[in-house]
């Protein structure tokens, strides 16, 4: 408009758009997961959700070991730790 005022139709559209904006959600990143949360996840899924990498992991009560007699591997943290963290973040950020 030549006098510098805003067209009432445009003004109403802007009000409508402003009221219908969705709030931006704060999502947690991988770096924000603390060591305590990781320990809780490993305790919660103790001996569960093993990776499908052909090693056939088992939990012995002390550590994770491969059940294969050919390729012995030992791990003192959950072998699928990153999967547990990823799933945890997906649940939180959903």
PDB file of N, CA and C in Angstrom:
ATOM      1  N   UNK A   1       0.849  -1.168   0.000  1.00  0.00           N
ATOM      2  CA  UNK A   1       0.000   0.000   0.000  1.00  0.00           C
ATOM      3  C   UNK A   1       0.901   1.239   0.000  1.00  0.00           C
ATOM      4  N   UNK A   2       0.457   2.257  -0.712  1.00  0.00           N
ATOM      5  CA  UNK A   2       1.307   3.439  -0.873  1.00  0.00           C
ATOM      6  C   UNK A   2       1.550   4.206   0.433  1.00  0.00           C
ATOM      7  N   UNK A   3       0.652   4.139   1.389  1.00  0.00           N
ATOM      8  CA  UNK A   3       0.838   4.910   2.621  1.00  0.00           C
ATOM      9  C   UNK A   3       1.696   4.179   3.653  1.00  0.00           C
ATOM     10  N   UNK A   4       2.199   2.959   3.325  1.00  0.00           N
ATOM     11  CA  UNK A   4       3.078   2.222   4.220  1.00  0.00           C
ATOM     12  C   UNK A   4       2.354   1.282   5.165  1.00  0.00           C
ATOM     13  N   UNK A   5       1.029   1.262   5.114  1.00  0.00           N
ATOM     14  CA  UNK A   5       0.301   0.351   5.995  1.00  0.00           C
ATOM     15  C   UNK A   5       0.267  -1.050   5.370  1.00  0.00           C
ATOM     16  N   UNK A   6      -0.010  -2.023   6.201  1.00  0.00           N
ATOM     17  CA  UNK A   6      -0.049  -3.413   5.747  1.00  0.00           C
ATOM     18  C   UNK A   6      -1.475  -3.763   5.358  1.00  0.00           C
ATOM     19  N   UNK A   7      -1.586  -4.463   4.265  1.00  0.00           N
ATOM     20  CA  UNK A   7      -2.880  -4.927   3.792  1.00  0.00           C
ATOM     21  C   UNK A   7      -3.497  -5.810   4.872  1.00  0.00           C
ATOM     22  N   UNK A   8      -4.756  -5.577   5.236  1.00  0.00           N
ATOM     23  CA  UNK A   8      -5.395  -6.359   6.307  1.00  0.00           C
ATOM     24  C   UNK A   8      -5.409  -7.860   6.035  1.00  0.00           C
ATOM     25  N   UNK A   9      -5.507  -8.269   4.794  1.00  0.00           N
ATOM     26  CA  UNK A   9      -5.512  -9.695   4.455  1.00  0.00           C
ATOM     27  C   UNK A   9      -4.139 -10.305   4.786  1.00  0.00           C
ATOM     28  N   UNK A  10      -3.089  -9.575   4.424  1.00  0.00           N
ATOM     29  CA  UNK A  10      -1.734 -10.046   4.703  1.00  0.00           C
ATOM     30  C   UNK A  10      -1.502 -10.082   6.213  1.00  0.00           C
ATOM     31  N   UNK A  11      -1.977  -9.069   6.917  1.00  0.00           N
ATOM     32  CA  UNK A  11      -1.812  -8.998   8.356  1.00  0.00           C
ATOM     33  C   UNK A  11      -2.487 -10.194   9.037  1.00  0.00           C
ATOM     34  N   UNK A  12      -3.700 -10.535   8.599  1.00  0.00           N
ATOM     35  CA  UNK A  12      -4.402 -11.690   9.163  1.00  0.00           C
ATOM     36  C   UNK A  12      -3.675 -12.999   8.842  1.00  0.00           C
ATOM     37  N   UNK A  13      -3.138 -13.095   7.655  1.00  0.00           N
ATOM     38  CA  UNK A  13      -2.406 -14.307   7.268  1.00  0.00           C
ATOM     39  C   UNK A  13      -1.151 -14.472   8.127  1.00  0.00           C
ATOM     40  N   UNK A  14      -0.462 -13.363   8.385  1.00  0.00           N
ATOM     41  CA  UNK A  14       0.733 -13.427   9.217  1.00  0.00           C
ATOM     42  C   UNK A  14       0.395 -13.823  10.654  1.00  0.00           C
ATOM     43  N   UNK A  15      -0.723 -13.311  11.184  1.00  0.00           N
ATOM     44  CA  UNK A  15      -1.148 -13.698  12.531  1.00  0.00           C
ATOM     45  C   UNK A  15      -1.448 -15.193  12.589  1.00  0.00           C
ATOM     46  N   UNK A  16      -2.137 -15.672  11.560  1.00  0.00           N
ATOM     47  CA  UNK A  16      -2.491 -17.088  11.508  1.00  0.00           C
ATOM     48  C   UNK A  16      -1.232 -17.946  11.442  1.00  0.00           C
ATOM     49  N   UNK A  17      -0.278 -17.565  10.619  1.00  0.00           N
ATOM     50  CA  UNK A  17       0.963 -18.329  10.489  1.00  0.00           C
ATOM     51  C   UNK A  17       1.738 -18.323  11.801  1.00  0.00           C
ATOM     52  N   UNK A  18       1.763 -17.205  12.479  1.00  0.00           N
ATOM     53  CA  UNK A  18       2.510 -17.098  13.726  1.00  0.00           C
ATOM     54  C   UNK A  18       1.887 -17.977  14.806  1.00  0.00           C
ATOM     55  N   UNK A  19       0.575 -18.046  14.865  1.00  0.00           N
ATOM     56  CA  UNK A  19      -0.069 -18.843  15.915  1.00  0.00           C
ATOM     57  C   UNK A  19       0.009 -20.331  15.617  1.00  0.00           C
ATOM     58  N   UNK A  20       0.189 -20.702  14.350  1.00  0.00           N
ATOM     59  CA  UNK A  20       0.249 -22.120  13.999  1.00  0.00           C
ATOM     60  C   UNK A  20       1.673 -22.655  13.892  1.00  0.00           C
ATOM     61  N   UNK A  21       2.662 -21.870  14.229  1.00  0.00           N
ATOM     62  CA  UNK A  21       4.029 -22.359  14.198  1.00  0.00           C
ATOM     63  C   UNK A  21       4.205 -23.436  15.261  1.00  0.00           C
ATOM     64  N   UNK A  22       4.892 -24.483  14.889  1.00  0.00           N
ATOM     65  CA  UNK A  22       5.174 -25.529  15.877  1.00  0.00           C
ATOM     66  C   UNK A  22       6.444 -25.160  16.622  1.00  0.00           C
ATOM     67  N   UNK A  23       6.459 -25.523  17.872  1.00  0.00           N
ATOM     68  CA  UNK A  23       7.640 -25.236  18.667  1.00  0.00           C
ATOM     69  C   UNK A  23       8.772 -26.152  18.232  1.00  0.00           C
ATOM     70  N   UNK A  24       9.948 -25.595  18.154  1.00  0.00           N
ATOM     71  CA  UNK A  24      11.104 -26.405  17.810  1.00  0.00           C
ATOM     72  C   UNK A  24      11.490 -27.212  19.047  1.00  0.00           C
ATOM     73  N   UNK A  25      11.560 -28.509  18.864  1.00  0.00           N
ATOM     74  CA  UNK A  25      11.893 -29.394  19.976  1.00  0.00           C
ATOM     75  C   UNK A  25      13.399 -29.484  20.120  1.00  0.00           C
ATOM     76  N   UNK A  26      13.822 -29.527  21.346  1.00  0.00           N
ATOM     77  CA  UNK A  26      15.240 -29.739  21.612  1.00  0.00           C
ATOM     78  C   UNK A  26      15.499 -31.234  21.595  1.00  0.00           C
ATOM     79  N   UNK A  27      16.330 -31.669  20.671  1.00  0.00           N
ATOM     80  CA  UNK A  27      16.668 -33.078  20.599  1.00  0.00           C
ATOM     81  C   UNK A  27      18.070 -33.281  21.161  1.00  0.00           C
ATOM     82  N   UNK A  28      18.247 -34.403  21.800  1.00  0.00           N
ATOM     83  CA  UNK A  28      19.547 -34.704  22.388  1.00  0.00           C
ATOM     84  C   UNK A  28      20.450 -35.347  21.357  1.00  0.00           C
ATOM     85  N   UNK A  29      21.694 -34.988  21.408  1.00  0.00           N
ATOM     86  CA  UNK A  29      22.695 -35.553  20.512  1.00  0.00           C
ATOM     87  C   UNK A  29      23.434 -36.677  21.226  1.00  0.00           C
ATOM     88  N   UNK A  30      24.174 -37.441  20.469  1.00  0.00           N
ATOM     89  CA  UNK A  30      24.934 -38.570  21.021  1.00  0.00           C
ATOM     90  C   UNK A  30      25.922 -38.092  22.088  1.00  0.00           C
ATOM     91  N   UNK A  31      26.518 -36.957  21.881  1.00  0.00           N
ATOM     92  CA  UNK A  31      27.520 -36.447  22.806  1.00  0.00           C
ATOM     93  C   UNK A  31      26.940 -36.102  24.177  1.00  0.00           C
ATOM     94  N   UNK A  32      25.624 -35.886  24.242  1.00  0.00           N
ATOM     95  CA  UNK A  32      25.001 -35.474  25.495  1.00  0.00           C
ATOM     96  C   UNK A  32      24.685 -36.655  26.421  1.00  0.00           C
ATOM     97  N   UNK A  33      24.815 -37.885  25.927  1.00  0.00           N
ATOM     98  CA  UNK A  33      24.526 -39.057  26.748  1.00  0.00           C
ATOM     99  C   UNK A  33      25.686 -39.263  27.717  1.00  0.00           C
ATOM    100  N   UNK A  34      25.364 -39.302  28.995  1.00  0.00           N
ATOM    101  CA  UNK A  34      26.403 -39.401  30.028  1.00  0.00           C
ATOM    102  C   UNK A  34      26.840 -40.849  30.235  1.00  0.00           C
ATOM    103  N   UNK A  35      27.966 -41.010  30.896  1.00  0.00           N
ATOM    104  CA  UNK A  35      28.467 -42.351  31.215  1.00  0.00           C
ATOM    105  C   UNK A  35      27.497 -43.092  32.128  1.00  0.00           C
ATOM    106  N   UNK A  36      26.855 -42.371  33.025  1.00  0.00           N
ATOM    107  CA  UNK A  36      25.875 -43.006  33.918  1.00  0.00           C
ATOM    108  C   UNK A  36      24.687 -43.555  33.130  1.00  0.00           C
ATOM    109  N   UNK A  37      24.216 -42.785  32.154  1.00  0.00           N
ATOM    110  CA  UNK A  37      23.103 -43.257  31.321  1.00  0.00           C
ATOM    111  C   UNK A  37      23.514 -44.486  30.519  1.00  0.00           C
ATOM    112  N   UNK A  38      24.742 -44.509  30.032  1.00  0.00           N
ATOM    113  CA  UNK A  38      25.226 -45.658  29.277  1.00  0.00           C
ATOM    114  C   UNK A  38      25.296 -46.887  30.177  1.00  0.00           C
ATOM    115  N   UNK A  39      25.785 -46.718  31.398  1.00  0.00           N
ATOM    116  CA  UNK A  39      25.827 -47.838  32.346  1.00  0.00           C
ATOM    117  C   UNK A  39      24.421 -48.355  32.653  1.00  0.00           C
ATOM    118  N   UNK A  40      23.456 -47.445  32.799  1.00  0.00           N
ATOM    119  CA  UNK A  40      22.068 -47.855  33.042  1.00  0.00           C
ATOM    120  C   UNK A  40      21.522 -48.648  31.859  1.00  0.00           C
ATOM    121  N   UNK A  41      21.831 -48.190  30.638  1.00  0.00           N
ATOM    122  CA  UNK A  41      21.374 -48.911  29.449  1.00  0.00           C
ATOM    123  C   UNK A  41      21.983 -50.308  29.388  1.00  0.00           C
ATOM    124  N   UNK A  42      23.282 -50.393  29.660  1.00  0.00           N
ATOM    125  CA  UNK A  42      23.942 -51.698  29.622  1.00  0.00           C
ATOM    126  C   UNK A  42      23.390 -52.623  30.695  1.00  0.00           C
ATOM    127  N   UNK A  43      23.056 -52.083  31.863  1.00  0.00           N
ATOM    128  CA  UNK A  43      22.476 -52.903  32.926  1.00  0.00           C
ATOM    129  C   UNK A  43      21.051 -53.333  32.559  1.00  0.00           C
ATOM    130  N   UNK A  44      20.313 -52.448  31.933  1.00  0.00           N
ATOM    131  CA  UNK A  44      18.929 -52.755  31.555  1.00  0.00           C
ATOM    132  C   UNK A  44      18.875 -53.846  30.487  1.00  0.00           C
ATOM    133  N   UNK A  45      19.794 -53.788  29.533  1.00  0.00           N
ATOM    134  CA  UNK A  45      19.792 -54.743  28.423  1.00  0.00           C
ATOM    135  C   UNK A  45      20.945 -55.737  28.534  1.00  0.00           C
ATOM    136  N   UNK A  46      21.248 -56.141  29.749  1.00  0.00           N
ATOM    137  CA  UNK A  46      22.334 -57.074  30.023  1.00  0.00           C
ATOM    138  C   UNK A  46      22.085 -58.394  29.288  1.00  0.00           C
ATOM    139  N   UNK A  47      22.985 -58.739  28.401  1.00  0.00           N
ATOM    140  CA  UNK A  47      22.863 -59.997  27.663  1.00  0.00           C
ATOM    141  C   UNK A  47      21.802 -59.988  26.582  1.00  0.00           C
ATOM    142  N   UNK A  48      21.228 -58.834  26.285  1.00  0.00           N
ATOM    143  CA  UNK A  48      20.180 -58.730  25.264  1.00  0.00           C
ATOM    144  C   UNK A  48      20.661 -57.862  24.112  1.00  0.00           C
ATOM    145  N   UNK A  49      19.943 -57.923  23.008  1.00  0.00           N
ATOM    146  CA  UNK A  49      20.199 -57.087  21.832  1.00  0.00           C
ATOM    147  C   UNK A  49      21.648 -57.202  21.355  1.00  0.00           C
ATOM    148  N   UNK A  50      22.111 -58.428  21.223  1.00  0.00           N
ATOM    149  CA  UNK A  50      23.468 -58.659  20.743  1.00  0.00           C
ATOM    150  C   UNK A  50      23.548 -58.346  19.245  1.00  0.00           C
ATOM    151  N   UNK A  51      24.700 -57.918  18.793  1.00  0.00           N
ATOM    152  CA  UNK A  51      24.832 -57.597  17.374  1.00  0.00           C
ATOM    153  C   UNK A  51      24.766 -58.854  16.507  1.00  0.00           C
ATOM    154  N   UNK A  52      24.272 -58.674  15.303  1.00  0.00           N
ATOM    155  CA  UNK A  52      24.199 -59.770  14.334  1.00  0.00           C
ATOM    156  C   UNK A  52      25.426 -59.695  13.436  1.00  0.00           C
ATOM    157  N   UNK A  53      26.599 -59.885  14.031  1.00  0.00           N
ATOM    158  CA  UNK A  53      27.837 -59.769  13.269  1.00  0.00           C
ATOM    159  C   UNK A  53      28.510 -61.112  13.022  1.00  0.00           C
ATOM    160  N   UNK A  54      27.802 -62.190  13.310  1.00  0.00           N
ATOM    161  CA  UNK A  54      28.336 -63.519  13.064  1.00  0.00           C
ATOM    162  C   UNK A  54      29.222 -64.047  14.174  1.00  0.00           C
ATOM    163  N   UNK A  55      29.423 -63.285  15.242  1.00  0.00           N
ATOM    164  CA  UNK A  55      30.305 -63.717  16.319  1.00  0.00           C
ATOM    165  C   UNK A  55      29.542 -64.537  17.358  1.00  0.00           C
ATOM    166  N   UNK A  56      28.250 -64.351  17.463  1.00  0.00           N
ATOM    167  CA  UNK A  56      27.413 -65.067  18.423  1.00  0.00           C
ATOM    168  C   UNK A  56      27.842 -64.763  19.855  1.00  0.00           C
ATOM    169  N   UNK A  57      27.615 -63.533  20.265  1.00  0.00           N
ATOM    170  CA  UNK A  57      28.006 -63.075  21.602  1.00  0.00           C
ATOM    171  C   UNK A  57      27.129 -63.705  22.671  1.00  0.00           C
ATOM    172  N   UNK A  58      27.738 -63.982  23.832  1.00  0.00           N
ATOM    173  CA  UNK A  58      27.005 -64.446  25.009  1.00  0.00           C
ATOM    174  C   UNK A  58      27.523 -63.671  26.209  1.00  0.00           C
ATOM    175  N   UNK A  59      26.669 -63.521  27.221  1.00  0.00           N
ATOM    176  CA  UNK A  59      27.081 -62.852  28.458  1.00  0.00           C
ATOM    177  C   UNK A  59      27.370 -63.925  29.491  1.00  0.00           C
ATOM    178  N   UNK A  60      28.554 -63.894  30.068  1.00  0.00           N
ATOM    179  CA  UNK A  60      28.980 -64.947  31.002  1.00  0.00           C
ATOM    180  C   UNK A  60      28.683 -64.605  32.459  1.00  0.00           C
ATOM    181  N   UNK A  61      28.188 -63.422  32.709  1.00  0.00           N
ATOM    182  CA  UNK A  61      27.994 -62.963  34.076  1.00  0.00           C
ATOM    183  C   UNK A  61      29.117 -62.039  34.497  1.00  0.00           C
ATOM    184  N   UNK A  62      30.186 -62.039  33.748  1.00  0.00           N
ATOM    185  CA  UNK A  62      31.338 -61.177  34.031  1.00  0.00           C
ATOM    186  C   UNK A  62      31.689 -60.308  32.816  1.00  0.00           C
ATOM    187  N   UNK A  63      31.608 -60.917  31.636  1.00  0.00           N
ATOM    188  CA  UNK A  63      31.946 -60.203  30.412  1.00  0.00           C
ATOM    189  C   UNK A  63      31.174 -60.810  29.248  1.00  0.00           C
ATOM    190  N   UNK A  64      31.299 -60.203  28.110  1.00  0.00           N
ATOM    191  CA  UNK A  64      30.707 -60.727  26.882  1.00  0.00           C
ATOM    192  C   UNK A  64      31.792 -61.489  26.135  1.00  0.00           C
ATOM    193  N   UNK A  65      31.443 -62.690  25.672  1.00  0.00           N
ATOM    194  CA  UNK A  65      32.409 -63.522  24.943  1.00  0.00           C
ATOM    195  C   UNK A  65      31.758 -64.078  23.694  1.00  0.00           C
ATOM    196  N   UNK A  66      32.602 -64.411  22.750  1.00  0.00           N
ATOM    197  CA  UNK A  66      32.092 -65.069  21.547  1.00  0.00           C
ATOM    198  C   UNK A  66      31.881 -66.545  21.875  1.00  0.00           C
ATOM    199  N   UNK A  67      30.814 -67.109  21.365  1.00  0.00           N
ATOM    200  CA  UNK A  67      30.527 -68.520  21.605  1.00  0.00           C
ATOM    201  C   UNK A  67      31.276 -69.403  20.618  1.00  0.00           C
ATOM    202  N   UNK A  68      31.931 -68.802  19.673  1.00  0.00           N
ATOM    203  CA  UNK A  68      32.668 -69.548  18.665  1.00  0.00           C
ATOM    204  C   UNK A  68      33.983 -70.069  19.250  1.00  0.00           C
ATOM    205  N   UNK A  69      34.307 -71.300  18.937  1.00  0.00           N
ATOM    206  CA  UNK A  69      35.587 -71.856  19.404  1.00  0.00           C
ATOM    207  C   UNK A  69      36.723 -71.474  18.473  1.00  0.00           C
ATOM    208  N   UNK A  70      36.396 -70.967  17.301  1.00  0.00           N
ATOM    209  CA  UNK A  70      37.418 -70.600  16.326  1.00  0.00           C
ATOM    210  C   UNK A  70      37.983 -69.221  16.624  1.00  0.00           C
ATOM    211  N   UNK A  71      37.107 -68.267  16.826  1.00  0.00           N
ATOM    212  CA  UNK A  71      37.535 -66.872  16.997  1.00  0.00           C
ATOM    213  C   UNK A  71      37.092 -66.372  18.362  1.00  0.00           C
ATOM    214  N   UNK A  72      37.918 -66.567  19.379  1.00  0.00           N
ATOM    215  CA  UNK A  72      37.572 -66.136  20.741  1.00  0.00           C
ATOM    216  C   UNK A  72      37.735 -64.628  20.879  1.00  0.00           C
ATOM    217  N   UNK A  73      36.685 -63.977  21.321  1.00  0.00           N
ATOM    218  CA  UNK A  73      36.723 -62.542  21.581  1.00  0.00           C
ATOM    219  C   UNK A  73      36.091 -62.284  22.934  1.00  0.00           C
ATOM    220  N   UNK A  74      36.631 -61.309  23.651  1.00  0.00           N
ATOM    221  CA  UNK A  74      36.103 -60.917  24.957  1.00  0.00           C
ATOM    222  C   UNK A  74      35.884 -59.415  24.948  1.00  0.00           C
ATOM    223  N   UNK A  75      34.771 -59.001  25.553  1.00  0.00           N
ATOM    224  CA  UNK A  75      34.429 -57.579  25.595  1.00  0.00           C
ATOM    225  C   UNK A  75      33.831 -57.287  26.971  1.00  0.00           C
ATOM    226  N   UNK A  76      34.289 -56.217  27.616  1.00  0.00           N
ATOM    227  CA  UNK A  76      33.803 -55.888  28.954  1.00  0.00           C
ATOM    228  C   UNK A  76      32.705 -54.829  28.943  1.00  0.00           C
ATOM    229  N   UNK A  77      32.361 -54.356  27.762  1.00  0.00           N
ATOM    230  CA  UNK A  77      31.203 -53.475  27.612  1.00  0.00           C
ATOM    231  C   UNK A  77      30.273 -54.134  26.611  1.00  0.00           C
ATOM    232  N   UNK A  78      29.040 -53.698  26.589  1.00  0.00           N
ATOM    233  CA  UNK A  78      28.052 -54.313  25.696  1.00  0.00           C
ATOM    234  C   UNK A  78      28.550 -54.205  24.261  1.00  0.00           C
ATOM    235  N   UNK A  79      28.601 -55.322  23.529  1.00  0.00           N
ATOM    236  CA  UNK A  79      29.126 -55.275  22.166  1.00  0.00           C
ATOM    237  C   UNK A  79      28.261 -54.468  21.203  1.00  0.00           C
ATOM    238  N   UNK A  80      27.048 -54.191  21.577  1.00  0.00           N
ATOM    239  CA  UNK A  80      26.147 -53.417  20.730  1.00  0.00           C
ATOM    240  C   UNK A  80      25.805 -52.088  21.403  1.00  0.00           C
ATOM    241  N   UNK A  81      26.756 -51.502  22.070  1.00  0.00           N
ATOM    242  CA  UNK A  81      26.567 -50.292  22.876  1.00  0.00           C
ATOM    243  C   UNK A  81      26.001 -49.130  22.061  1.00  0.00           C
ATOM    244  N   UNK A  82      26.535 -48.886  20.888  1.00  0.00           N
ATOM    245  CA  UNK A  82      26.063 -47.761  20.066  1.00  0.00           C
ATOM    246  C   UNK A  82      24.611 -47.945  19.645  1.00  0.00           C
ATOM    247  N   UNK A  83      24.206 -49.186  19.384  1.00  0.00           N
ATOM    248  CA  UNK A  83      22.808 -49.449  19.049  1.00  0.00           C
ATOM    249  C   UNK A  83      21.910 -49.099  20.235  1.00  0.00           C
ATOM    250  N   UNK A  84      22.328 -49.480  21.447  1.00  0.00           N
ATOM    251  CA  UNK A  84      21.538 -49.172  22.645  1.00  0.00           C
ATOM    252  C   UNK A  84      21.396 -47.664  22.825  1.00  0.00           C
ATOM    253  N   UNK A  85      22.474 -46.941  22.611  1.00  0.00           N
ATOM    254  CA  UNK A  85      22.447 -45.486  22.765  1.00  0.00           C
ATOM    255  C   UNK A  85      21.564 -44.850  21.695  1.00  0.00           C
ATOM    256  N   UNK A  86      21.695 -45.336  20.474  1.00  0.00           N
ATOM    257  CA  UNK A  86      20.877 -44.795  19.369  1.00  0.00           C
ATOM    258  C   UNK A  86      19.390 -45.005  19.654  1.00  0.00           C
ATOM    259  N   UNK A  87      19.030 -46.215  20.101  1.00  0.00           N
ATOM    260  CA  UNK A  87      17.624 -46.503  20.408  1.00  0.00           C
ATOM    261  C   UNK A  87      17.133 -45.640  21.563  1.00  0.00           C
ATOM    262  N   UNK A  88      17.965 -45.445  22.564  1.00  0.00           N
ATOM    263  CA  UNK A  88      17.623 -44.600  23.711  1.00  0.00           C
ATOM    264  C   UNK A  88      17.346 -43.178  23.261  1.00  0.00           C
ATOM    265  N   UNK A  89      18.195 -42.630  22.398  1.00  0.00           N
ATOM    266  CA  UNK A  89      17.999 -41.266  21.895  1.00  0.00           C
ATOM    267  C   UNK A  89      16.742 -41.162  21.039  1.00  0.00           C
ATOM    268  N   UNK A  90      16.461 -42.195  20.243  1.00  0.00           N
ATOM    269  CA  UNK A  90      15.238 -42.192  19.435  1.00  0.00           C
ATOM    270  C   UNK A  90      13.999 -42.166  20.328  1.00  0.00           C
ATOM    271  N   UNK A  91      14.037 -42.904  21.439  1.00  0.00           N
ATOM    272  CA  UNK A  91      12.905 -42.903  22.367  1.00  0.00           C
ATOM    273  C   UNK A  91      12.734 -41.537  23.021  1.00  0.00           C
ATOM    274  N   UNK A  92      13.830 -40.929  23.413  1.00  0.00           N
ATOM    275  CA  UNK A  92      13.764 -39.622  24.076  1.00  0.00           C
ATOM    276  C   UNK A  92      13.315 -38.537  23.100  1.00  0.00           C
ATOM    277  N   UNK A  93      13.845 -38.571  21.892  1.00  0.00           N
ATOM    278  CA  UNK A  93      13.582 -37.514  20.916  1.00  0.00           C
ATOM    279  C   UNK A  93      12.274 -37.713  20.157  1.00  0.00           C
ATOM    280  N   UNK A  94      11.591 -38.823  20.382  1.00  0.00           N
ATOM    281  CA  UNK A  94      10.336 -39.074  19.642  1.00  0.00           C
ATOM    282  C   UNK A  94       9.240 -38.147  20.082  1.00  0.00           C
TER     283      UNK A  94
END
